[in-house]
Amino acid sequence: MSRRFDDVDYVNHPPHYQKGDLEVIEIIENVVPDPYSYCFGNSLKYLCRHMDKGNQVQDLEKAKWYIDRMIGDWTND
């Protein structure tokens, strides 16, 4: 059964970020010495360019996703 385009969550679980059983963020967190800085950089990237792309809200949601992950590092969630 194929998924409808509307059912795809491009912010929390983009299908193009799934590599086997892992999402790319999980691979990065296991390989990069400082995943917190990676999330900081990505949130900044999405904040800086959200007005330059076609879907501003989606890029702001992506920035928030990375910021929420950083908050989780501080609160151990």
PDB file of N, CA and C in Angstrom:
ATOM      1  N   MET A   1       0.843  -1.169   0.000  1.00  0.00           N
ATOM      2  CA  MET A   1       0.000   0.000   0.000  1.00  0.00           C
ATOM      3  C   MET A   1       0.893   1.238   0.000  1.00  0.00           C
ATOM      4  N   SER A   2       0.705   2.126  -0.930  1.00  0.00           N
ATOM      5  CA  SER A   2       1.521   3.329  -0.987  1.00  0.00           C
ATOM      6  C   SER A   2       0.903   4.417  -0.118  1.00  0.00           C
ATOM      7  N   ARG A   3       1.747   5.297   0.365  1.00  0.00           N
ATOM      8  CA  ARG A   3       1.281   6.393   1.206  1.00  0.00           C
ATOM      9  C   ARG A   3       0.870   7.553   0.327  1.00  0.00           C
ATOM     10  N   ARG A   4      -0.158   8.238   0.742  1.00  0.00           N
ATOM     11  CA  ARG A   4      -0.559   9.461   0.058  1.00  0.00           C
ATOM     12  C   ARG A   4       0.452  10.535   0.363  1.00  0.00           C
ATOM     13  N   PHE A   5       0.646  11.449  -0.558  1.00  0.00           N
ATOM     14  CA  PHE A   5       1.567  12.562  -0.382  1.00  0.00           C
ATOM     15  C   PHE A   5       1.248  13.337   0.887  1.00  0.00           C
ATOM     16  N   ASP A   6      -0.037  13.526   1.180  1.00  0.00           N
ATOM     17  CA  ASP A   6      -0.461  14.294   2.349  1.00  0.00           C
ATOM     18  C   ASP A   6      -0.110  13.606   3.664  1.00  0.00           C
ATOM     19  N   ASP A   7       0.122  12.306   3.636  1.00  0.00           N
ATOM     20  CA  ASP A   7       0.417  11.556   4.850  1.00  0.00           C
ATOM     21  C   ASP A   7       1.894  11.616   5.242  1.00  0.00           C
ATOM     22  N   VAL A   8       2.728  12.165   4.392  1.00  0.00           N
ATOM     23  CA  VAL A   8       4.160  12.204   4.655  1.00  0.00           C
ATOM     24  C   VAL A   8       4.488  13.367   5.594  1.00  0.00           C
ATOM     25  N   ASP A   9       5.233  13.072   6.637  1.00  0.00           N
ATOM     26  CA  ASP A   9       5.633  14.081   7.616  1.00  0.00           C
ATOM     27  C   ASP A   9       7.043  14.555   7.265  1.00  0.00           C
ATOM     28  N   TYR A  10       7.125  15.641   6.510  1.00  0.00           N
ATOM     29  CA  TYR A  10       8.411  16.134   6.040  1.00  0.00           C
ATOM     30  C   TYR A  10       9.190  16.890   7.105  1.00  0.00           C
ATOM     31  N   VAL A  11       8.610  17.109   8.271  1.00  0.00           N
ATOM     32  CA  VAL A  11       9.318  17.786   9.354  1.00  0.00           C
ATOM     33  C   VAL A  11       9.895  16.761  10.327  1.00  0.00           C
ATOM     34  N   ASN A  12       9.077  15.879  10.858  1.00  0.00           N
ATOM     35  CA  ASN A  12       9.513  14.952  11.895  1.00  0.00           C
ATOM     36  C   ASN A  12      10.120  13.655  11.375  1.00  0.00           C
ATOM     37  N   HIS A  13       9.630  13.159  10.251  1.00  0.00           N
ATOM     38  CA  HIS A  13      10.122  11.889   9.709  1.00  0.00           C
ATOM     39  C   HIS A  13      10.131  11.917   8.181  1.00  0.00           C
ATOM     40  N   PRO A  14      10.994  12.748   7.585  1.00  0.00           N
ATOM     41  CA  PRO A  14      11.033  12.787   6.124  1.00  0.00           C
ATOM     42  C   PRO A  14      11.514  11.440   5.573  1.00  0.00           C
ATOM     43  N   PRO A  15      10.806  10.891   4.618  1.00  0.00           N
ATOM     44  CA  PRO A  15      11.169   9.564   4.125  1.00  0.00           C
ATOM     45  C   PRO A  15      12.563   9.506   3.507  1.00  0.00           C
ATOM     46  N   HIS A  16      13.043  10.601   2.963  1.00  0.00           N
ATOM     47  CA  HIS A  16      14.366  10.599   2.347  1.00  0.00           C
ATOM     48  C   HIS A  16      15.486  10.636   3.396  1.00  0.00           C
ATOM     49  N   TYR A  17      15.148  10.740   4.681  1.00  0.00           N
ATOM     50  CA  TYR A  17      16.139  10.683   5.756  1.00  0.00           C
ATOM     51  C   TYR A  17      16.183   9.308   6.412  1.00  0.00           C
ATOM     52  N   GLN A  18      15.405   8.369   5.935  1.00  0.00           N
ATOM     53  CA  GLN A  18      15.383   7.011   6.490  1.00  0.00           C
ATOM     54  C   GLN A  18      16.391   6.153   5.732  1.00  0.00           C
ATOM     55  N   LYS A  19      17.352   5.602   6.452  1.00  0.00           N
ATOM     56  CA  LYS A  19      18.376   4.739   5.870  1.00  0.00           C
ATOM     57  C   LYS A  19      18.329   3.404   6.596  1.00  0.00           C
ATOM     58  N   GLY A  20      17.657   2.441   5.994  1.00  0.00           N
ATOM     59  CA  GLY A  20      17.483   1.156   6.654  1.00  0.00           C
ATOM     60  C   GLY A  20      16.597   1.310   7.872  1.00  0.00           C
ATOM     61  N   ASP A  21      17.077   0.843   9.007  1.00  0.00           N
ATOM     62  CA  ASP A  21      16.311   0.906  10.258  1.00  0.00           C
ATOM     63  C   ASP A  21      16.518   2.214  11.022  1.00  0.00           C
ATOM     64  N   LEU A  22      17.396   3.078  10.529  1.00  0.00           N
ATOM     65  CA  LEU A  22      17.726   4.303  11.252  1.00  0.00           C
ATOM     66  C   LEU A  22      17.378   5.543  10.441  1.00  0.00           C
ATOM     67  N   GLU A  23      17.099   6.621  11.159  1.00  0.00           N
ATOM     68  CA  GLU A  23      16.996   7.910  10.508  1.00  0.00           C
ATOM     69  C   GLU A  23      18.381   8.542  10.531  1.00  0.00           C
ATOM     70  N   VAL A  24      18.646   9.407   9.590  1.00  0.00           N
ATOM     71  CA  VAL A  24      19.962  10.029   9.477  1.00  0.00           C
ATOM     72  C   VAL A  24      20.369  10.719  10.785  1.00  0.00           C
ATOM     73  N   ILE A  25      19.439  11.374  11.475  1.00  0.00           N
ATOM     74  CA  ILE A  25      19.777  12.049  12.734  1.00  0.00           C
ATOM     75  C   ILE A  25      20.318  11.059  13.758  1.00  0.00           C
ATOM     76  N   GLU A  26      19.807   9.844  13.769  1.00  0.00           N
ATOM     77  CA  GLU A  26      20.306   8.824  14.696  1.00  0.00           C
ATOM     78  C   GLU A  26      21.729   8.418  14.337  1.00  0.00           C
ATOM     79  N   ILE A  27      22.012   8.304  13.061  1.00  0.00           N
ATOM     80  CA  ILE A  27      23.374   7.978  12.615  1.00  0.00           C
ATOM     81  C   ILE A  27      24.318   9.107  13.005  1.00  0.00           C
ATOM     82  N   ILE A  28      23.903  10.349  12.746  1.00  0.00           N
ATOM     83  CA  ILE A  28      24.733  11.510  13.074  1.00  0.00           C
ATOM     84  C   ILE A  28      25.025  11.552  14.569  1.00  0.00           C
ATOM     85  N   GLU A  29      24.004  11.342  15.387  1.00  0.00           N
ATOM     86  CA  GLU A  29      24.197  11.400  16.839  1.00  0.00           C
ATOM     87  C   GLU A  29      25.154  10.318  17.340  1.00  0.00           C
ATOM     88  N   ASN A  30      25.265   9.222  16.612  1.00  0.00           N
ATOM     89  CA  ASN A  30      26.168   8.147  17.013  1.00  0.00           C
ATOM     90  C   ASN A  30      27.577   8.306  16.450  1.00  0.00           C
ATOM     91  N   VAL A  31      27.760   9.201  15.481  1.00  0.00           N
ATOM     92  CA  VAL A  31      29.048   9.330  14.811  1.00  0.00           C
ATOM     93  C   VAL A  31      29.727  10.671  15.097  1.00  0.00           C
ATOM     94  N   VAL A  32      28.956  11.740  15.121  1.00  0.00           N
ATOM     95  CA  VAL A  32      29.507  13.085  15.292  1.00  0.00           C
ATOM     96  C   VAL A  32      29.890  13.297  16.756  1.00  0.00           C
ATOM     97  N   PRO A  33      31.082  13.854  17.005  1.00  0.00           N
ATOM     98  CA  PRO A  33      31.485  14.039  18.406  1.00  0.00           C
ATOM     99  C   PRO A  33      30.624  15.030  19.180  1.00  0.00           C
ATOM    100  N   ASP A  34      29.978  15.956  18.493  1.00  0.00           N
ATOM    101  CA  ASP A  34      29.176  16.975  19.172  1.00  0.00           C
ATOM    102  C   ASP A  34      27.831  17.148  18.466  1.00  0.00           C
ATOM    103  N   PRO A  35      26.884  16.213  18.653  1.00  0.00           N
ATOM    104  CA  PRO A  35      25.602  16.321  17.955  1.00  0.00           C
ATOM    105  C   PRO A  35      24.793  17.549  18.360  1.00  0.00           C
ATOM    106  N   TYR A  36      25.030  18.092  19.558  1.00  0.00           N
ATOM    107  CA  TYR A  36      24.326  19.298  19.981  1.00  0.00           C
ATOM    108  C   TYR A  36      24.637  20.454  19.030  1.00  0.00           C
ATOM    109  N   SER A  37      25.914  20.621  18.700  1.00  0.00           N
ATOM    110  CA  SER A  37      26.308  21.689  17.776  1.00  0.00           C
ATOM    111  C   SER A  37      25.744  21.450  16.384  1.00  0.00           C
ATOM    112  N   TYR A  38      25.635  20.197  15.985  1.00  0.00           N
ATOM    113  CA  TYR A  38      25.020  19.874  14.698  1.00  0.00           C
ATOM    114  C   TYR A  38      23.576  20.364  14.683  1.00  0.00           C
ATOM    115  N   CYS A  39      22.831  20.088  15.743  1.00  0.00           N
ATOM    116  CA  CYS A  39      21.436  20.530  15.821  1.00  0.00           C
ATOM    117  C   CYS A  39      21.353  22.058  15.868  1.00  0.00           C
ATOM    118  N   PHE A  40      22.270  22.690  16.597  1.00  0.00           N
ATOM    119  CA  PHE A  40      22.308  24.148  16.657  1.00  0.00           C
ATOM    120  C   PHE A  40      22.518  24.727  15.257  1.00  0.00           C
ATOM    121  N   GLY A  41      23.477  24.186  14.531  1.00  0.00           N
ATOM    122  CA  GLY A  41      23.762  24.661  13.179  1.00  0.00           C
ATOM    123  C   GLY A  41      22.597  24.462  12.238  1.00  0.00           C
ATOM    124  N   ASN A  42      21.944  23.325  12.313  1.00  0.00           N
ATOM    125  CA  ASN A  42      20.806  23.067  11.432  1.00  0.00           C
ATOM    126  C   ASN A  42      19.625  23.968  11.764  1.00  0.00           C
ATOM    127  N   SER A  43      19.371  24.214  13.048  1.00  0.00           N
ATOM    128  CA  SER A  43      18.271  25.116  13.393  1.00  0.00           C
ATOM    129  C   SER A  43      18.555  26.513  12.864  1.00  0.00           C
ATOM    130  N   LEU A  44      19.798  26.960  12.978  1.00  0.00           N
ATOM    131  CA  LEU A  44      20.189  28.264  12.464  1.00  0.00           C
ATOM    132  C   LEU A  44      20.038  28.326  10.945  1.00  0.00           C
ATOM    133  N   LYS A  45      20.412  27.247  10.268  1.00  0.00           N
ATOM    134  CA  LYS A  45      20.279  27.176   8.810  1.00  0.00           C
ATOM    135  C   LYS A  45      18.819  27.361   8.390  1.00  0.00           C
ATOM    136  N   TYR A  46      17.920  26.634   9.031  1.00  0.00           N
ATOM    137  CA  TYR A  46      16.510  26.738   8.658  1.00  0.00           C
ATOM    138  C   TYR A  46      15.924  28.098   9.008  1.00  0.00           C
ATOM    139  N   LEU A  47      16.359  28.680  10.123  1.00  0.00           N
ATOM    140  CA  LEU A  47      15.881  30.024  10.486  1.00  0.00           C
ATOM    141  C   LEU A  47      16.355  31.070   9.476  1.00  0.00           C
ATOM    142  N   CYS A  48      17.609  30.972   9.078  1.00  0.00           N
ATOM    143  CA  CYS A  48      18.175  31.977   8.175  1.00  0.00           C
ATOM    144  C   CYS A  48      17.588  31.926   6.768  1.00  0.00           C
ATOM    145  N   ARG A  49      17.207  30.761   6.299  1.00  0.00           N
ATOM    146  CA  ARG A  49      16.761  30.677   4.907  1.00  0.00           C
ATOM    147  C   ARG A  49      15.261  30.457   4.735  1.00  0.00           C
ATOM    148  N   HIS A  50      14.491  30.495   5.813  1.00  0.00           N
ATOM    149  CA  HIS A  50      13.065  30.165   5.696  1.00  0.00           C
ATOM    150  C   HIS A  50      12.304  31.129   4.783  1.00  0.00           C
ATOM    151  N   MET A  51      12.741  32.366   4.660  1.00  0.00           N
ATOM    152  CA  MET A  51      12.058  33.325   3.790  1.00  0.00           C
ATOM    153  C   MET A  51      12.457  33.175   2.320  1.00  0.00           C
ATOM    154  N   ASP A  52      13.492  32.403   2.059  1.00  0.00           N
ATOM    155  CA  ASP A  52      14.017  32.277   0.702  1.00  0.00           C
ATOM    156  C   ASP A  52      13.504  31.055  -0.039  1.00  0.00           C
ATOM    157  N   LYS A  53      12.727  30.227   0.612  1.00  0.00           N
ATOM    158  CA  LYS A  53      12.236  28.996  -0.005  1.00  0.00           C
ATOM    159  C   LYS A  53      10.716  29.050  -0.112  1.00  0.00           C
ATOM    160  N   GLY A  54      10.151  28.039  -0.689  1.00  0.00           N
ATOM    161  CA  GLY A  54       8.725  28.040  -0.974  1.00  0.00           C
ATOM    162  C   GLY A  54       7.807  27.764   0.199  1.00  0.00           C
ATOM    163  N   ASN A  55       8.314  27.140   1.255  1.00  0.00           N
ATOM    164  CA  ASN A  55       7.447  26.772   2.366  1.00  0.00           C
ATOM    165  C   ASN A  55       8.062  27.278   3.672  1.00  0.00           C
ATOM    166  N   GLN A  56       7.778  28.543   3.992  1.00  0.00           N
ATOM    167  CA  GLN A  56       8.385  29.176   5.159  1.00  0.00           C
ATOM    168  C   GLN A  56       8.022  28.472   6.460  1.00  0.00           C
ATOM    169  N   VAL A  57       6.761  28.098   6.606  1.00  0.00           N
ATOM    170  CA  VAL A  57       6.313  27.462   7.855  1.00  0.00           C
ATOM    171  C   VAL A  57       7.024  26.128   8.045  1.00  0.00           C
ATOM    172  N   GLN A  58       7.169  25.360   6.986  1.00  0.00           N
ATOM    173  CA  GLN A  58       7.840  24.069   7.113  1.00  0.00           C
ATOM    174  C   GLN A  58       9.294  24.248   7.574  1.00  0.00           C
ATOM    175  N   ASP A  59       9.994  25.239   7.040  1.00  0.00           N
ATOM    176  CA  ASP A  59      11.363  25.463   7.488  1.00  0.00           C
ATOM    177  C   ASP A  59      11.410  25.932   8.936  1.00  0.00           C
ATOM    178  N   LEU A  60      10.455  26.749   9.367  1.00  0.00           N
ATOM    179  CA  LEU A  60      10.397  27.147  10.782  1.00  0.00           C
ATOM    180  C   LEU A  60      10.105  25.935  11.671  1.00  0.00           C
ATOM    181  N   GLU A  61       9.252  25.030  11.199  1.00  0.00           N
ATOM    182  CA  GLU A  61       8.964  23.809  11.955  1.00  0.00           C
ATOM    183  C   GLU A  61      10.207  22.922  12.041  1.00  0.00           C
ATOM    184  N   LYS A  62      10.988  22.883  10.963  1.00  0.00           N
ATOM    185  CA  LYS A  62      12.234  22.110  10.987  1.00  0.00           C
ATOM    186  C   LYS A  62      13.218  22.719  11.974  1.00  0.00           C
ATOM    187  N   ALA A  63      13.328  24.041  11.995  1.00  0.00           N
ATOM    188  CA  ALA A  63      14.201  24.709  12.957  1.00  0.00           C
ATOM    189  C   ALA A  63      13.757  24.369  14.378  1.00  0.00           C
ATOM    190  N   LYS A  64      12.457  24.408  14.612  1.00  0.00           N
ATOM    191  CA  LYS A  64      11.906  24.078  15.931  1.00  0.00           C
ATOM    192  C   LYS A  64      12.203  22.626  16.301  1.00  0.00           C
ATOM    193  N   TRP A  65      12.143  21.728  15.320  1.00  0.00           N
ATOM    194  CA  TRP A  65      12.430  20.316  15.565  1.00  0.00           C
ATOM    195  C   TRP A  65      13.843  20.162  16.113  1.00  0.00           C
ATOM    196  N   TYR A  66      14.798  20.846  15.494  1.00  0.00           N
ATOM    197  CA  TYR A  66      16.181  20.773  15.971  1.00  0.00           C
ATOM    198  C   TYR A  66      16.324  21.446  17.335  1.00  0.00           C
ATOM    199  N   ILE A  67      15.649  22.563  17.546  1.00  0.00           N
ATOM    200  CA  ILE A  67      15.708  23.241  18.843  1.00  0.00           C
ATOM    201  C   ILE A  67      15.100  22.362  19.934  1.00  0.00           C
ATOM    202  N   ASP A  68      13.982  21.700  19.625  1.00  0.00           N
ATOM    203  CA  ASP A  68      13.374  20.771  20.596  1.00  0.00           C
ATOM    204  C   ASP A  68      14.332  19.637  20.942  1.00  0.00           C
ATOM    205  N   ARG A  69      15.094  19.184  19.980  1.00  0.00           N
ATOM    206  CA  ARG A  69      16.069  18.121  20.231  1.00  0.00           C
ATOM    207  C   ARG A  69      17.174  18.637  21.159  1.00  0.00           C
ATOM    208  N   MET A  70      17.584  19.887  20.966  1.00  0.00           N
ATOM    209  CA  MET A  70      18.578  20.495  21.841  1.00  0.00           C
ATOM    210  C   MET A  70      18.031  20.639  23.259  1.00  0.00           C
ATOM    211  N   ILE A  71      16.777  21.045  23.365  1.00  0.00           N
ATOM    212  CA  ILE A  71      16.135  21.159  24.688  1.00  0.00           C
ATOM    213  C   ILE A  71      16.126  19.792  25.372  1.00  0.00           C
ATOM    214  N   GLY A  72      15.845  18.761  24.589  1.00  0.00           N
ATOM    215  CA  GLY A  72      15.869  17.400  25.134  1.00  0.00           C
ATOM    216  C   GLY A  72      17.226  17.015  25.699  1.00  0.00           C
ATOM    217  N   ASP A  73      18.306  17.514  25.088  1.00  0.00           N
ATOM    218  CA  ASP A  73      19.643  17.250  25.624  1.00  0.00           C
ATOM    219  C   ASP A  73      19.798  17.872  27.011  1.00  0.00           C
ATOM    220  N   TRP A  74      19.221  19.047  27.217  1.00  0.00           N
ATOM    221  CA  TRP A  74      19.344  19.735  28.501  1.00  0.00           C
ATOM    222  C   TRP A  74      18.412  19.158  29.558  1.00  0.00           C
ATOM    223  N   THR A  75      17.289  18.631  29.116  1.00  0.00           N
ATOM    224  CA  THR A  75      16.312  18.108  30.079  1.00  0.00           C
ATOM    225  C   THR A  75      16.314  16.587  30.141  1.00  0.00           C
ATOM    226  N   ASN A  76      17.212  15.967  29.365  1.00  0.00           N
ATOM    227  CA  ASN A  76      17.338  14.505  29.319  1.00  0.00           C
ATOM    228  C   ASN A  76      16.066  13.813  28.872  1.00  0.00           C
ATOM    229  N   ASP A  77      15.318  14.442  27.957  1.00  0.00           N
ATOM    230  CA  ASP A  77      14.098  13.822  27.406  1.00  0.00           C
ATOM    231  C   ASP A  77      14.454  12.919  26.249  1.00  0.00           C
TER     232      ASP A  77
END
